[in-house]
Amino acid sequence: YLDLLWKFLKPVSFSLIGKEVDFQVLDGNIVLYGLIALIAGVIVRLVTGYLSFCGGDLNVKEKAYITLSGFPKATGKRS
C-alpha cells in the first residue's frame, strides 16, 4: 500500500517543497555558494562517472555517452 500511496504523494510532496522556497528572503551569497556547490557536485559526478569506464574497451565517445546518459538517474527504487 505504501508503494501505491507514494506514487501519488511524491509529485505533491515535491511540488509543495518547491512552492515554499522564497528566493527574495535568501541572501545573495548563500545562493552563490549553493550554485557553486551544485556545479562542483555535477563536475565531480561527471568526472567520476567517466573515470569508472576507463578500464574497459570503450572509446572516448562511448565513455562520454554512457557518462551523460547515466547522469540524470537517481538512486531510488525503480517501479
Protein backbone atom coordinates (compact mmCIF):
# COMPACT_ATOMS: atom_id res chain seq x y z
CA TYR A 1 0.00 0.00 0.00
CA LEU A 2 2.85 2.38 0.75
CA ASP A 3 4.30 1.98 -2.73
CA LEU A 4 0.96 2.87 -4.32
CA LEU A 5 0.48 5.77 -1.91
CA TRP A 6 3.98 7.08 -2.64
CA LYS A 7 3.28 7.10 -6.39
CA PHE A 8 0.52 9.64 -5.81
CA LEU A 9 2.08 11.63 -2.97
CA LYS A 10 5.57 12.03 -4.44
CA PRO A 11 4.59 14.71 -7.01
CA VAL A 12 2.52 16.52 -4.40
CA SER A 13 5.37 16.42 -1.91
CA PHE A 14 7.99 17.77 -4.31
CA SER A 15 5.69 20.46 -5.70
CA LEU A 16 4.85 21.72 -2.21
CA ILE A 17 8.51 21.82 -1.23
CA GLY A 18 9.35 23.83 -4.36
CA LYS A 19 6.45 26.17 -3.72
CA GLU A 20 7.69 27.08 -0.25
CA VAL A 21 11.09 28.40 -1.36
CA ASP A 22 11.06 32.22 -1.32
CA PHE A 23 14.13 33.46 -3.16
CA GLN A 24 13.63 37.06 -2.09
CA VAL A 25 14.41 36.10 1.50
CA LEU A 26 17.68 34.38 0.63
CA ASP A 27 20.95 36.26 0.83
CA GLY A 28 22.81 36.58 -2.48
CA ASN A 29 25.94 34.97 -1.06
CA ILE A 30 24.01 31.92 0.09
CA VAL A 31 22.54 31.45 -3.39
CA LEU A 32 26.02 31.86 -4.90
CA TYR A 33 27.52 29.28 -2.53
CA GLY A 34 24.65 26.92 -3.32
CA LEU A 35 25.25 27.27 -7.06
CA ILE A 36 28.98 26.71 -6.59
CA ALA A 37 28.29 23.57 -4.54
CA LEU A 38 25.82 22.34 -7.16
CA ILE A 39 28.22 22.91 -10.04
CA ALA A 40 31.07 21.27 -8.12
CA GLY A 41 28.87 18.24 -7.43
CA VAL A 42 27.90 17.98 -11.09
CA ILE A 43 31.53 18.15 -12.19
CA VAL A 44 32.63 15.54 -9.64
CA ARG A 45 29.78 13.21 -10.66
CA LEU A 46 30.60 13.54 -14.36
CA VAL A 47 34.34 13.04 -13.86
CA THR A 48 33.96 10.02 -11.57
CA GLY A 49 31.35 8.54 -13.91
CA TYR A 50 33.73 8.93 -16.84
CA LEU A 51 36.69 7.52 -14.92
CA SER A 52 34.68 4.46 -13.89
CA PHE A 53 34.68 3.32 -17.53
CA CYS A 54 38.39 3.87 -18.18
CA GLY A 55 39.38 0.23 -17.63
CA GLY A 56 37.26 -1.13 -20.48
CA ASP A 57 37.48 -1.35 -24.25
CA LEU A 58 35.31 1.70 -24.92
CA ASN A 59 36.46 4.69 -26.95
CA VAL A 60 36.15 8.29 -25.73
CA LYS A 61 32.78 8.92 -27.39
CA GLU A 62 31.26 5.78 -25.88
CA LYS A 63 32.54 6.65 -22.41
CA ALA A 64 31.14 10.17 -22.70
CA TYR A 65 27.78 8.87 -23.93
CA ILE A 66 27.43 6.40 -21.06
CA THR A 67 28.50 9.04 -18.54
CA LEU A 68 25.99 11.59 -19.79
CA SER A 69 23.16 9.08 -20.17
CA GLY A 70 23.55 7.93 -16.57
CA PHE A 71 23.82 11.42 -15.13
CA PRO A 72 20.13 12.26 -14.61
CA LYS A 73 19.32 8.93 -12.96
CA ALA A 74 18.54 8.93 -9.26
CA THR A 75 19.45 6.14 -6.88
CA GLY A 76 15.87 5.38 -5.86
CA LYS A 77 13.80 2.27 -6.37
CA ARG A 78 12.61 1.55 -9.90
CA SER A 79 8.92 1.00 -10.45
